[in-house]
Amino acid sequence: MPTTNEVPSFSWHKCAIRYPLLSLVFFLENFKISAHEKSRIATTVDELATQGKVTTEPSQQNNWIRVFILRRITRAIFVDALNNGTKNWDVTLSKITSIILTSSFSARAGDILTDRLDD
């Protein structure tokens, strides 16, 4: 069983199947999945894991955001605020600042928190 990032994760495949099916059930009232079809889908994903085509091991790969992508994101927020207006520039600037700080610290969204002892 592979433990590196060379194959997709098992949980990713489960979600990649689950969410479109939930959307189809929500938007199309006549769309139904039988118990047999659910079983076939689950068996297929399980077979992918036993064949080593997906991994069940948790892994984290660093995905570096390049400067030009970060520049495009922040510029798009600024252009949208300038063209469509904004209720409060403080909110717009804090969004951009949080995106830049999160990427500069190489952190995820919930990683930058204050310590409990700081209160």
PDB file of N, CA and C in Angstrom:
ATOM      1  N   MET A   1       0.852  -1.185   0.000  1.00  0.00           N
ATOM      2  CA  MET A   1       0.000   0.000   0.000  1.00  0.00           C
ATOM      3  C   MET A   1       0.890   1.237   0.000  1.00  0.00           C
ATOM      4  N   PRO A   2       0.700   2.134  -0.959  1.00  0.00           N
ATOM      5  CA  PRO A   2       1.550   3.322  -1.030  1.00  0.00           C
ATOM      6  C   PRO A   2       1.244   4.282   0.104  1.00  0.00           C
ATOM      7  N   THR A   3       2.294   4.929   0.608  1.00  0.00           N
ATOM      8  CA  THR A   3       2.117   5.881   1.698  1.00  0.00           C
ATOM      9  C   THR A   3       2.568   7.279   1.297  1.00  0.00           C
ATOM     10  N   THR A   4       2.834   7.491   0.024  1.00  0.00           N
ATOM     11  CA  THR A   4       3.274   8.805  -0.413  1.00  0.00           C
ATOM     12  C   THR A   4       2.154   9.501  -1.155  1.00  0.00           C
ATOM     13  N   ASN A   5       2.464  10.670  -1.657  1.00  0.00           N
ATOM     14  CA  ASN A   5       1.461  11.472  -2.354  1.00  0.00           C
ATOM     15  C   ASN A   5       1.396  11.157  -3.843  1.00  0.00           C
ATOM     16  N   GLU A   6       1.947  10.026  -4.267  1.00  0.00           N
ATOM     17  CA  GLU A   6       1.925   9.695  -5.682  1.00  0.00           C
ATOM     18  C   GLU A   6       0.566   9.163  -6.124  1.00  0.00           C
ATOM     19  N   VAL A   7      -0.296   8.813  -5.202  1.00  0.00           N
ATOM     20  CA  VAL A   7      -1.654   8.369  -5.533  1.00  0.00           C
ATOM     21  C   VAL A   7      -2.649   9.175  -4.713  1.00  0.00           C
ATOM     22  N   PRO A   8      -3.883   9.330  -5.203  1.00  0.00           N
ATOM     23  CA  PRO A   8      -4.898  10.078  -4.444  1.00  0.00           C
ATOM     24  C   PRO A   8      -5.278   9.364  -3.144  1.00  0.00           C
ATOM     25  N   SER A   9      -5.805  10.123  -2.215  1.00  0.00           N
ATOM     26  CA  SER A   9      -6.195   9.531  -0.936  1.00  0.00           C
ATOM     27  C   SER A   9      -7.578   8.894  -1.022  1.00  0.00           C
ATOM     28  N   PHE A  10      -7.791   7.937  -0.149  1.00  0.00           N
ATOM     29  CA  PHE A  10      -9.046   7.191  -0.058  1.00  0.00           C
ATOM     30  C   PHE A  10     -10.194   8.135   0.294  1.00  0.00           C
ATOM     31  N   SER A  11      -9.972   9.012   1.276  1.00  0.00           N
ATOM     32  CA  SER A  11     -11.036   9.927   1.706  1.00  0.00           C
ATOM     33  C   SER A  11     -11.386  10.926   0.603  1.00  0.00           C
ATOM     34  N   TRP A  12     -10.411  11.314  -0.215  1.00  0.00           N
ATOM     35  CA  TRP A  12     -10.692  12.220  -1.318  1.00  0.00           C
ATOM     36  C   TRP A  12     -11.636  11.552  -2.313  1.00  0.00           C
ATOM     37  N   HIS A  13     -11.386  10.274  -2.612  1.00  0.00           N
ATOM     38  CA  HIS A  13     -12.268   9.563  -3.535  1.00  0.00           C
ATOM     39  C   HIS A  13     -13.674   9.423  -2.970  1.00  0.00           C
ATOM     40  N   LYS A  14     -13.773   9.151  -1.677  1.00  0.00           N
ATOM     41  CA  LYS A  14     -15.100   9.036  -1.056  1.00  0.00           C
ATOM     42  C   LYS A  14     -15.872  10.349  -1.215  1.00  0.00           C
ATOM     43  N   CYS A  15     -15.207  11.472  -0.933  1.00  0.00           N
ATOM     44  CA  CYS A  15     -15.872  12.773  -1.051  1.00  0.00           C
ATOM     45  C   CYS A  15     -16.156  13.132  -2.504  1.00  0.00           C
ATOM     46  N   ALA A  16     -15.251  12.754  -3.410  1.00  0.00           N
ATOM     47  CA  ALA A  16     -15.454  13.059  -4.825  1.00  0.00           C
ATOM     48  C   ALA A  16     -16.663  12.322  -5.388  1.00  0.00           C
ATOM     49  N   ILE A  17     -17.041  11.243  -4.771  1.00  0.00           N
ATOM     50  CA  ILE A  17     -18.238  10.516  -5.190  1.00  0.00           C
ATOM     51  C   ILE A  17     -19.460  10.996  -4.413  1.00  0.00           C
ATOM     52  N   ARG A  18     -19.287  11.235  -3.125  1.00  0.00           N
ATOM     53  CA  ARG A  18     -20.422  11.556  -2.249  1.00  0.00           C
ATOM     54  C   ARG A  18     -21.065  12.897  -2.584  1.00  0.00           C
ATOM     55  N   TYR A  19     -20.260  13.963  -2.737  1.00  0.00           N
ATOM     56  CA  TYR A  19     -20.834  15.288  -2.912  1.00  0.00           C
ATOM     57  C   TYR A  19     -21.584  15.474  -4.232  1.00  0.00           C
ATOM     58  N   PRO A  20     -21.079  14.978  -5.366  1.00  0.00           N
ATOM     59  CA  PRO A  20     -21.907  15.082  -6.576  1.00  0.00           C
ATOM     60  C   PRO A  20     -23.209  14.307  -6.463  1.00  0.00           C
ATOM     61  N   LEU A  21     -23.175  13.139  -5.811  1.00  0.00           N
ATOM     62  CA  LEU A  21     -24.414  12.375  -5.644  1.00  0.00           C
ATOM     63  C   LEU A  21     -25.409  13.122  -4.770  1.00  0.00           C
ATOM     64  N   LEU A  22     -24.920  13.742  -3.693  1.00  0.00           N
ATOM     65  CA  LEU A  22     -25.812  14.534  -2.846  1.00  0.00           C
ATOM     66  C   LEU A  22     -26.400  15.719  -3.612  1.00  0.00           C
ATOM     67  N   SER A  23     -25.598  16.341  -4.457  1.00  0.00           N
ATOM     68  CA  SER A  23     -26.104  17.457  -5.268  1.00  0.00           C
ATOM     69  C   SER A  23     -27.153  16.995  -6.258  1.00  0.00           C
ATOM     70  N   LEU A  24     -26.915  15.845  -6.876  1.00  0.00           N
ATOM     71  CA  LEU A  24     -27.896  15.325  -7.822  1.00  0.00           C
ATOM     72  C   LEU A  24     -29.216  15.001  -7.139  1.00  0.00           C
ATOM     73  N   VAL A  25     -29.148  14.415  -5.954  1.00  0.00           N
ATOM     74  CA  VAL A  25     -30.369  14.101  -5.214  1.00  0.00           C
ATOM     75  C   VAL A  25     -31.095  15.389  -4.822  1.00  0.00           C
ATOM     76  N   PHE A  26     -30.332  16.424  -4.467  1.00  0.00           N
ATOM     77  CA  PHE A  26     -30.941  17.685  -4.052  1.00  0.00           C
ATOM     78  C   PHE A  26     -31.605  18.416  -5.219  1.00  0.00           C
ATOM     79  N   PHE A  27     -30.907  18.502  -6.362  1.00  0.00           N
ATOM     80  CA  PHE A  27     -31.415  19.302  -7.476  1.00  0.00           C
ATOM     81  C   PHE A  27     -32.376  18.552  -8.392  1.00  0.00           C
ATOM     82  N   LEU A  28     -32.264  17.251  -8.462  1.00  0.00           N
ATOM     83  CA  LEU A  28     -33.143  16.478  -9.342  1.00  0.00           C
ATOM     84  C   LEU A  28     -34.018  15.569  -8.488  1.00  0.00           C
ATOM     85  N   GLU A  29     -35.284  15.895  -8.404  1.00  0.00           N
ATOM     86  CA  GLU A  29     -36.161  15.151  -7.492  1.00  0.00           C
ATOM     87  C   GLU A  29     -36.372  13.704  -7.918  1.00  0.00           C
ATOM     88  N   ASN A  30     -36.205  13.399  -9.195  1.00  0.00           N
ATOM     89  CA  ASN A  30     -36.398  12.032  -9.677  1.00  0.00           C
ATOM     90  C   ASN A  30     -35.134  11.183  -9.617  1.00  0.00           C
ATOM     91  N   PHE A  31     -34.010  11.787  -9.220  1.00  0.00           N
ATOM     92  CA  PHE A  31     -32.748  11.045  -9.167  1.00  0.00           C
ATOM     93  C   PHE A  31     -32.716  10.192  -7.903  1.00  0.00           C
ATOM     94  N   LYS A  32     -32.582   8.904  -8.087  1.00  0.00           N
ATOM     95  CA  LYS A  32     -32.533   7.967  -6.956  1.00  0.00           C
ATOM     96  C   LYS A  32     -31.379   7.005  -7.176  1.00  0.00           C
ATOM     97  N   ILE A  33     -30.764   6.596  -6.091  1.00  0.00           N
ATOM     98  CA  ILE A  33     -29.703   5.588  -6.136  1.00  0.00           C
ATOM     99  C   ILE A  33     -30.185   4.401  -5.325  1.00  0.00           C
ATOM    100  N   SER A  34     -30.165   3.254  -5.936  1.00  0.00           N
ATOM    101  CA  SER A  34     -30.614   2.054  -5.228  1.00  0.00           C
ATOM    102  C   SER A  34     -29.530   1.576  -4.265  1.00  0.00           C
ATOM    103  N   ALA A  35     -29.915   0.713  -3.357  1.00  0.00           N
ATOM    104  CA  ALA A  35     -28.954   0.141  -2.408  1.00  0.00           C
ATOM    105  C   ALA A  35     -27.881  -0.656  -3.134  1.00  0.00           C
ATOM    106  N   HIS A  36     -28.278  -1.313  -4.222  1.00  0.00           N
ATOM    107  CA  HIS A  36     -27.320  -2.083  -5.012  1.00  0.00           C
ATOM    108  C   HIS A  36     -26.270  -1.161  -5.636  1.00  0.00           C
ATOM    109  N   GLU A  37     -26.709  -0.012  -6.178  1.00  0.00           N
ATOM    110  CA  GLU A  37     -25.771   0.934  -6.782  1.00  0.00           C
ATOM    111  C   GLU A  37     -24.830   1.530  -5.742  1.00  0.00           C
ATOM    112  N   LYS A  38     -25.343   1.844  -4.556  1.00  0.00           N
ATOM    113  CA  LYS A  38     -24.494   2.345  -3.470  1.00  0.00           C
ATOM    114  C   LYS A  38     -23.441   1.316  -3.089  1.00  0.00           C
ATOM    115  N   SER A  39     -23.853   0.058  -3.024  1.00  0.00           N
ATOM    116  CA  SER A  39     -22.934  -1.013  -2.682  1.00  0.00           C
ATOM    117  C   SER A  39     -21.858  -1.178  -3.750  1.00  0.00           C
ATOM    118  N   ARG A  40     -22.229  -1.069  -5.007  1.00  0.00           N
ATOM    119  CA  ARG A  40     -21.253  -1.190  -6.105  1.00  0.00           C
ATOM    120  C   ARG A  40     -20.230  -0.059  -6.059  1.00  0.00           C
ATOM    121  N   ILE A  41     -20.691   1.148  -5.774  1.00  0.00           N
ATOM    122  CA  ILE A  41     -19.778   2.294  -5.689  1.00  0.00           C
ATOM    123  C   ILE A  41     -18.806   2.110  -4.526  1.00  0.00           C
ATOM    124  N   ALA A  42     -19.320   1.722  -3.370  1.00  0.00           N
ATOM    125  CA  ALA A  42     -18.461   1.516  -2.196  1.00  0.00           C
ATOM    126  C   ALA A  42     -17.446   0.398  -2.444  1.00  0.00           C
ATOM    127  N   THR A  43     -17.868  -0.665  -3.085  1.00  0.00           N
ATOM    128  CA  THR A  43     -16.973  -1.777  -3.384  1.00  0.00           C
ATOM    129  C   THR A  43     -15.863  -1.352  -4.340  1.00  0.00           C
ATOM    130  N   THR A  44     -16.205  -0.532  -5.315  1.00  0.00           N
ATOM    131  CA  THR A  44     -15.203  -0.058  -6.273  1.00  0.00           C
ATOM    132  C   THR A  44     -14.137   0.776  -5.573  1.00  0.00           C
ATOM    133  N   VAL A  45     -14.537   1.675  -4.694  1.00  0.00           N
ATOM    134  CA  VAL A  45     -13.570   2.504  -3.978  1.00  0.00           C
ATOM    135  C   VAL A  45     -12.719   1.641  -3.046  1.00  0.00           C
ATOM    136  N   ASP A  46     -13.324   0.653  -2.390  1.00  0.00           N
ATOM    137  CA  ASP A  46     -12.561  -0.248  -1.531  1.00  0.00           C
ATOM    138  C   ASP A  46     -11.555  -1.069  -2.333  1.00  0.00           C
ATOM    139  N   GLU A  47     -11.937  -1.496  -3.528  1.00  0.00           N
ATOM    140  CA  GLU A  47     -11.012  -2.245  -4.381  1.00  0.00           C
ATOM    141  C   GLU A  47      -9.834  -1.389  -4.816  1.00  0.00           C
ATOM    142  N   LEU A  48     -10.082  -0.103  -5.062  1.00  0.00           N
ATOM    143  CA  LEU A  48      -8.988   0.802  -5.410  1.00  0.00           C
ATOM    144  C   LEU A  48      -7.975   0.888  -4.278  1.00  0.00           C
ATOM    145  N   ALA A  49      -8.464   0.883  -3.033  1.00  0.00           N
ATOM    146  CA  ALA A  49      -7.558   0.939  -1.891  1.00  0.00           C
ATOM    147  C   ALA A  49      -6.754  -0.353  -1.759  1.00  0.00           C
ATOM    148  N   THR A  50      -7.397  -1.511  -1.953  1.00  0.00           N
ATOM    149  CA  THR A  50      -6.667  -2.776  -1.816  1.00  0.00           C
ATOM    150  C   THR A  50      -5.689  -2.990  -2.967  1.00  0.00           C
ATOM    151  N   GLN A  51      -5.963  -2.419  -4.141  1.00  0.00           N
ATOM    152  CA  GLN A  51      -5.050  -2.535  -5.268  1.00  0.00           C
ATOM    153  C   GLN A  51      -3.895  -1.535  -5.190  1.00  0.00           C
ATOM    154  N   GLY A  52      -3.951  -0.611  -4.234  1.00  0.00           N
ATOM    155  CA  GLY A  52      -2.893   0.371  -4.091  1.00  0.00           C
ATOM    156  C   GLY A  52      -3.028   1.565  -5.012  1.00  0.00           C
ATOM    157  N   LYS A  53      -4.193   1.744  -5.605  1.00  0.00           N
ATOM    158  CA  LYS A  53      -4.398   2.884  -6.497  1.00  0.00           C
ATOM    159  C   LYS A  53      -4.803   4.133  -5.735  1.00  0.00           C
ATOM    160  N   VAL A  54      -5.232   3.969  -4.505  1.00  0.00           N
ATOM    161  CA  VAL A  54      -5.466   5.088  -3.586  1.00  0.00           C
ATOM    162  C   VAL A  54      -4.824   4.710  -2.260  1.00  0.00           C
ATOM    163  N   THR A  55      -4.480   5.708  -1.475  1.00  0.00           N
ATOM    164  CA  THR A  55      -3.844   5.445  -0.189  1.00  0.00           C
ATOM    165  C   THR A  55      -4.788   5.775   0.951  1.00  0.00           C
ATOM    166  N   THR A  56      -4.719   4.980   2.007  1.00  0.00           N
ATOM    167  CA  THR A  56      -5.511   5.252   3.202  1.00  0.00           C
ATOM    168  C   THR A  56      -4.665   5.886   4.292  1.00  0.00           C
ATOM    169  N   GLU A  57      -3.370   6.032   4.048  1.00  0.00           N
ATOM    170  CA  GLU A  57      -2.467   6.628   5.026  1.00  0.00           C
ATOM    171  C   GLU A  57      -2.602   8.146   4.990  1.00  0.00           C
ATOM    172  N   PRO A  58      -2.686   8.776   6.150  1.00  0.00           N
ATOM    173  CA  PRO A  58      -2.753  10.237   6.147  1.00  0.00           C
ATOM    174  C   PRO A  58      -1.399  10.813   5.741  1.00  0.00           C
ATOM    175  N   SER A  59      -1.425  11.799   4.888  1.00  0.00           N
ATOM    176  CA  SER A  59      -0.190  12.455   4.465  1.00  0.00           C
ATOM    177  C   SER A  59      -0.500  13.910   4.169  1.00  0.00           C
ATOM    178  N   GLN A  60       0.533  14.704   4.288  1.00  0.00           N
ATOM    179  CA  GLN A  60       0.371  16.122   4.007  1.00  0.00           C
ATOM    180  C   GLN A  60       1.496  16.542   3.087  1.00  0.00           C
ATOM    181  N   GLN A  61       1.145  17.176   2.007  1.00  0.00           N
ATOM    182  CA  GLN A  61       2.121  17.646   1.045  1.00  0.00           C
ATOM    183  C   GLN A  61       2.090  19.163   1.050  1.00  0.00           C
ATOM    184  N   ASN A  62       3.273  19.756   1.125  1.00  0.00           N
ATOM    185  CA  ASN A  62       3.325  21.214   1.092  1.00  0.00           C
ATOM    186  C   ASN A  62       3.037  21.693  -0.313  1.00  0.00           C
ATOM    187  N   ASN A  63       2.051  22.536  -0.434  1.00  0.00           N
ATOM    188  CA  ASN A  63       1.710  23.154  -1.718  1.00  0.00           C
ATOM    189  C   ASN A  63       2.032  24.638  -1.593  1.00  0.00           C
ATOM    190  N   TRP A  64       3.132  25.021  -2.173  1.00  0.00           N
ATOM    191  CA  TRP A  64       3.576  26.405  -2.047  1.00  0.00           C
ATOM    192  C   TRP A  64       2.782  27.296  -2.988  1.00  0.00           C
ATOM    193  N   ILE A  65       2.283  28.376  -2.436  1.00  0.00           N
ATOM    194  CA  ILE A  65       1.591  29.362  -3.262  1.00  0.00           C
ATOM    195  C   ILE A  65       2.658  30.286  -3.824  1.00  0.00           C
ATOM    196  N   ARG A  66       2.722  30.351  -5.119  1.00  0.00           N
ATOM    197  CA  ARG A  66       3.727  31.210  -5.723  1.00  0.00           C
ATOM    198  C   ARG A  66       3.271  32.661  -5.643  1.00  0.00           C
ATOM    199  N   VAL A  67       4.236  33.540  -5.727  1.00  0.00           N
ATOM    200  CA  VAL A  67       3.964  34.962  -5.542  1.00  0.00           C
ATOM    201  C   VAL A  67       2.989  35.485  -6.591  1.00  0.00           C
ATOM    202  N   PHE A  68       3.107  35.025  -7.832  1.00  0.00           N
ATOM    203  CA  PHE A  68       2.222  35.564  -8.866  1.00  0.00           C
ATOM    204  C   PHE A  68       0.781  35.134  -8.659  1.00  0.00           C
ATOM    205  N   ILE A  69       0.541  33.952  -8.094  1.00  0.00           N
ATOM    206  CA  ILE A  69      -0.829  33.522  -7.804  1.00  0.00           C
ATOM    207  C   ILE A  69      -1.392  34.359  -6.662  1.00  0.00           C
ATOM    208  N   LEU A  70      -0.581  34.575  -5.643  1.00  0.00           N
ATOM    209  CA  LEU A  70      -1.005  35.403  -4.518  1.00  0.00           C
ATOM    210  C   LEU A  70      -1.298  36.826  -4.979  1.00  0.00           C
ATOM    211  N   ARG A  71      -0.478  37.344  -5.879  1.00  0.00           N
ATOM    212  CA  ARG A  71      -0.701  38.686  -6.413  1.00  0.00           C
ATOM    213  C   ARG A  71      -2.010  38.752  -7.191  1.00  0.00           C
ATOM    214  N   ARG A  72      -2.309  37.717  -7.961  1.00  0.00           N
ATOM    215  CA  ARG A  72      -3.561  37.707  -8.737  1.00  0.00           C
ATOM    216  C   ARG A  72      -4.780  37.660  -7.819  1.00  0.00           C
ATOM    217  N   ILE A  73      -4.687  36.887  -6.734  1.00  0.00           N
ATOM    218  CA  ILE A  73      -5.814  36.789  -5.800  1.00  0.00           C
ATOM    219  C   ILE A  73      -6.063  38.131  -5.133  1.00  0.00           C
ATOM    220  N   THR A  74      -5.001  38.726  -4.603  1.00  0.00           N
ATOM    221  CA  THR A  74      -5.178  40.004  -3.898  1.00  0.00           C
ATOM    222  C   THR A  74      -5.599  41.113  -4.860  1.00  0.00           C
ATOM    223  N   ARG A  75      -5.049  41.104  -6.063  1.00  0.00           N
ATOM    224  CA  ARG A  75      -5.438  42.112  -7.052  1.00  0.00           C
ATOM    225  C   ARG A  75      -6.906  41.953  -7.437  1.00  0.00           C
ATOM    226  N   ALA A  76      -7.375  40.711  -7.553  1.00  0.00           N
ATOM    227  CA  ALA A  76      -8.776  40.473  -7.901  1.00  0.00           C
ATOM    228  C   ALA A  76      -9.708  40.993  -6.801  1.00  0.00           C
ATOM    229  N   ILE A  77      -9.312  40.826  -5.551  1.00  0.00           N
ATOM    230  CA  ILE A  77     -10.128  41.347  -4.446  1.00  0.00           C
ATOM    231  C   ILE A  77     -10.174  42.874  -4.505  1.00  0.00           C
ATOM    232  N   PHE A  78      -9.004  43.509  -4.760  1.00  0.00           N
ATOM    233  CA  PHE A  78      -8.966  44.968  -4.869  1.00  0.00           C
ATOM    234  C   PHE A  78      -9.814  45.466  -6.045  1.00  0.00           C
ATOM    235  N   VAL A  79      -9.647  44.856  -7.204  1.00  0.00           N
ATOM    236  CA  VAL A  79     -10.386  45.291  -8.397  1.00  0.00           C
ATOM    237  C   VAL A  79     -11.888  45.119  -8.194  1.00  0.00           C
ATOM    238  N   ASP A  80     -12.282  44.002  -7.565  1.00  0.00           N
ATOM    239  CA  ASP A  80     -13.701  43.785  -7.291  1.00  0.00           C
ATOM    240  C   ASP A  80     -14.237  44.859  -6.350  1.00  0.00           C
ATOM    241  N   ALA A  81     -13.454  45.205  -5.324  1.00  0.00           N
ATOM    242  CA  ALA A  81     -13.896  46.240  -4.388  1.00  0.00           C
ATOM    243  C   ALA A  81     -13.975  47.608  -5.063  1.00  0.00           C
ATOM    244  N   LEU A  82     -13.032  47.890  -5.949  1.00  0.00           N
ATOM    245  CA  LEU A  82     -13.051  49.178  -6.646  1.00  0.00           C
ATOM    246  C   LEU A  82     -14.188  49.260  -7.657  1.00  0.00           C
ATOM    247  N   ASN A  83     -14.413  48.179  -8.397  1.00  0.00           N
ATOM    248  CA  ASN A  83     -15.453  48.203  -9.446  1.00  0.00           C
ATOM    249  C   ASN A  83     -16.862  48.093  -8.874  1.00  0.00           C
ATOM    250  N   ASN A  84     -17.058  47.207  -7.912  1.00  0.00           N
ATOM    251  CA  ASN A  84     -18.401  46.956  -7.391  1.00  0.00           C
ATOM    252  C   ASN A  84     -18.680  47.652  -6.068  1.00  0.00           C
ATOM    253  N   GLY A  85     -17.676  48.249  -5.496  1.00  0.00           N
ATOM    254  CA  GLY A  85     -17.845  48.923  -4.223  1.00  0.00           C
ATOM    255  C   GLY A  85     -17.715  47.955  -3.059  1.00  0.00           C
ATOM    256  N   THR A  86     -17.522  48.485  -1.901  1.00  0.00           N
ATOM    257  CA  THR A  86     -17.410  47.678  -0.696  1.00  0.00           C
ATOM    258  C   THR A  86     -18.100  48.405   0.445  1.00  0.00           C
ATOM    259  N   LYS A  87     -18.681  47.664   1.347  1.00  0.00           N
ATOM    260  CA  LYS A  87     -19.364  48.298   2.482  1.00  0.00           C
ATOM    261  C   LYS A  87     -18.362  48.890   3.452  1.00  0.00           C
ATOM    262  N   ASN A  88     -17.213  48.214   3.586  1.00  0.00           N
ATOM    263  CA  ASN A  88     -16.220  48.662   4.551  1.00  0.00           C
ATOM    264  C   ASN A  88     -14.845  48.256   4.047  1.00  0.00           C
ATOM    265  N   TRP A  89     -13.953  49.237   3.837  1.00  0.00           N
ATOM    266  CA  TRP A  89     -12.618  48.930   3.339  1.00  0.00           C
ATOM    267  C   TRP A  89     -11.802  48.167   4.375  1.00  0.00           C
ATOM    268  N   ASP A  90     -12.129  48.305   5.640  1.00  0.00           N
ATOM    269  CA  ASP A  90     -11.408  47.547   6.669  1.00  0.00           C
ATOM    270  C   ASP A  90     -11.576  46.042   6.469  1.00  0.00           C
ATOM    271  N   VAL A  91     -12.769  45.626   6.092  1.00  0.00           N
ATOM    272  CA  VAL A  91     -13.028  44.203   5.863  1.00  0.00           C
ATOM    273  C   VAL A  91     -12.248  43.716   4.649  1.00  0.00           C
ATOM    274  N   THR A  92     -12.258  44.504   3.586  1.00  0.00           N
ATOM    275  CA  THR A  92     -11.532  44.125   2.369  1.00  0.00           C
ATOM    276  C   THR A  92     -10.032  44.025   2.642  1.00  0.00           C
ATOM    277  N   LEU A  93      -9.494  45.015   3.322  1.00  0.00           N
ATOM    278  CA  LEU A  93      -8.061  45.000   3.626  1.00  0.00           C
ATOM    279  C   LEU A  93      -7.692  43.884   4.597  1.00  0.00           C
ATOM    280  N   SER A  94      -8.583  43.572   5.545  1.00  0.00           N
ATOM    281  CA  SER A  94      -8.273  42.477   6.475  1.00  0.00           C
ATOM    282  C   SER A  94      -8.320  41.128   5.778  1.00  0.00           C
ATOM    283  N   LYS A  95      -9.198  40.970   4.778  1.00  0.00           N
ATOM    284  CA  LYS A  95      -9.210  39.734   3.986  1.00  0.00           C
ATOM    285  C   LYS A  95      -7.882  39.555   3.265  1.00  0.00           C
ATOM    286  N   ILE A  96      -7.430  40.613   2.616  1.00  0.00           N
ATOM    287  CA  ILE A  96      -6.170  40.541   1.879  1.00  0.00           C
ATOM    288  C   ILE A  96      -5.006  40.296   2.828  1.00  0.00           C
ATOM    289  N   THR A  97      -5.007  40.971   3.958  1.00  0.00           N
ATOM    290  CA  THR A  97      -3.934  40.779   4.934  1.00  0.00           C
ATOM    291  C   THR A  97      -3.918  39.358   5.470  1.00  0.00           C
ATOM    292  N   SER A  98      -5.084  38.793   5.743  1.00  0.00           N
ATOM    293  CA  SER A  98      -5.111  37.423   6.263  1.00  0.00           C
ATOM    294  C   SER A  98      -4.628  36.422   5.223  1.00  0.00           C
ATOM    295  N   ILE A  99      -4.954  36.638   3.945  1.00  0.00           N
ATOM    296  CA  ILE A  99      -4.462  35.753   2.888  1.00  0.00           C
ATOM    297  C   ILE A  99      -2.950  35.834   2.779  1.00  0.00           C
ATOM    298  N   ILE A 100      -2.407  37.041   2.807  1.00  0.00           N
ATOM    299  CA  ILE A 100      -0.960  37.212   2.671  1.00  0.00           C
ATOM    300  C   ILE A 100      -0.226  36.663   3.889  1.00  0.00           C
ATOM    301  N   LEU A 101      -0.740  36.932   5.088  1.00  0.00           N
ATOM    302  CA  LEU A 101      -0.075  36.412   6.288  1.00  0.00           C
ATOM    303  C   LEU A 101      -0.125  34.891   6.361  1.00  0.00           C
ATOM    304  N   THR A 102      -1.258  34.321   6.009  1.00  0.00           N
ATOM    305  CA  THR A 102      -1.377  32.867   6.044  1.00  0.00           C
ATOM    306  C   THR A 102      -0.396  32.219   5.079  1.00  0.00           C
ATOM    307  N   SER A 103      -0.269  32.775   3.887  1.00  0.00           N
ATOM    308  CA  SER A 103       0.668  32.189   2.927  1.00  0.00           C
ATOM    309  C   SER A 103       2.116  32.463   3.311  1.00  0.00           C
ATOM    310  N   SER A 104       2.404  33.605   3.904  1.00  0.00           N
ATOM    311  CA  SER A 104       3.790  33.895   4.277  1.00  0.00           C
ATOM    312  C   SER A 104       4.263  33.035   5.445  1.00  0.00           C
ATOM    313  N   PHE A 105       3.340  32.619   6.303  1.00  0.00           N
ATOM    314  CA  PHE A 105       3.698  31.728   7.406  1.00  0.00           C
ATOM    315  C   PHE A 105       3.613  30.260   7.011  1.00  0.00           C
ATOM    316  N   SER A 106       3.233  29.993   5.766  1.00  0.00           N
ATOM    317  CA  SER A 106       3.031  28.618   5.276  1.00  0.00           C
ATOM    318  C   SER A 106       2.095  27.856   6.199  1.00  0.00           C
ATOM    319  N   ALA A 107       0.999  28.487   6.544  1.00  0.00           N
ATOM    320  CA  ALA A 107       0.044  27.913   7.485  1.00  0.00           C
ATOM    321  C   ALA A 107      -1.268  27.633   6.783  1.00  0.00           C
ATOM    322  N   ARG A 108      -2.111  26.870   7.473  1.00  0.00           N
ATOM    323  CA  ARG A 108      -3.471  26.650   6.995  1.00  0.00           C
ATOM    324  C   ARG A 108      -4.378  27.645   7.695  1.00  0.00           C
ATOM    325  N   ALA A 109      -5.638  27.659   7.300  1.00  0.00           N
ATOM    326  CA  ALA A 109      -6.566  28.684   7.791  1.00  0.00           C
ATOM    327  C   ALA A 109      -6.705  28.668   9.306  1.00  0.00           C
ATOM    328  N   GLY A 110      -6.764  27.512   9.944  1.00  0.00           N
ATOM    329  CA  GLY A 110      -6.970  27.438  11.385  1.00  0.00           C
ATOM    330  C   GLY A 110      -5.702  27.407  12.200  1.00  0.00           C
ATOM    331  N   ASP A 111      -4.529  27.482  11.553  1.00  0.00           N
ATOM    332  CA  ASP A 111      -3.268  27.364  12.273  1.00  0.00           C
ATOM    333  C   ASP A 111      -2.862  28.640  12.994  1.00  0.00           C
ATOM    334  N   ILE A 112      -3.318  29.776  12.509  1.00  0.00           N
ATOM    335  CA  ILE A 112      -2.917  31.042  13.122  1.00  0.00           C
ATOM    336  C   ILE A 112      -3.979  31.416  14.151  1.00  0.00           C
ATOM    337  N   LEU A 113      -3.689  31.151  15.396  1.00  0.00           N
ATOM    338  CA  LEU A 113      -4.613  31.416  16.487  1.00  0.00           C
ATOM    339  C   LEU A 113      -3.873  32.056  17.645  1.00  0.00           C
ATOM    340  N   THR A 114      -4.590  32.643  18.553  1.00  0.00           N
ATOM    341  CA  THR A 114      -3.955  33.150  19.759  1.00  0.00           C
ATOM    342  C   THR A 114      -3.909  32.052  20.812  1.00  0.00           C
ATOM    343  N   ASP A 115      -2.966  32.175  21.691  1.00  0.00           N
ATOM    344  CA  ASP A 115      -2.816  31.193  22.745  1.00  0.00           C
ATOM    345  C   ASP A 115      -3.877  31.420  23.811  1.00  0.00           C
ATOM    346  N   ARG A 116      -4.345  30.334  24.429  1.00  0.00           N
ATOM    347  CA  ARG A 116      -5.357  30.442  25.507  1.00  0.00           C
ATOM    348  C   ARG A 116      -4.832  31.278  26.653  1.00  0.00           C
ATOM    349  N   LEU A 117      -3.527  31.230  26.894  1.00  0.00           N
ATOM    350  CA  LEU A 117      -2.944  31.927  28.033  1.00  0.00           C
ATOM    351  C   LEU A 117      -2.829  33.439  27.811  1.00  0.00           C
ATOM    352  N   ASP A 118      -3.037  33.899  26.572  1.00  0.00           N
ATOM    353  CA  ASP A 118      -2.944  35.325  26.277  1.00  0.00           C
ATOM    354  C   ASP A 118      -4.148  36.111  26.773  1.00  0.00           C
ATOM    355  N   ASP A 119      -5.237  35.434  27.134  1.00  0.00           N
ATOM    356  CA  ASP A 119      -6.455  36.147  27.543  1.00  0.00           C
ATOM    357  C   ASP A 119      -6.323  36.853  28.842  1.00  0.00           C
TER     358      ASP A 119
END
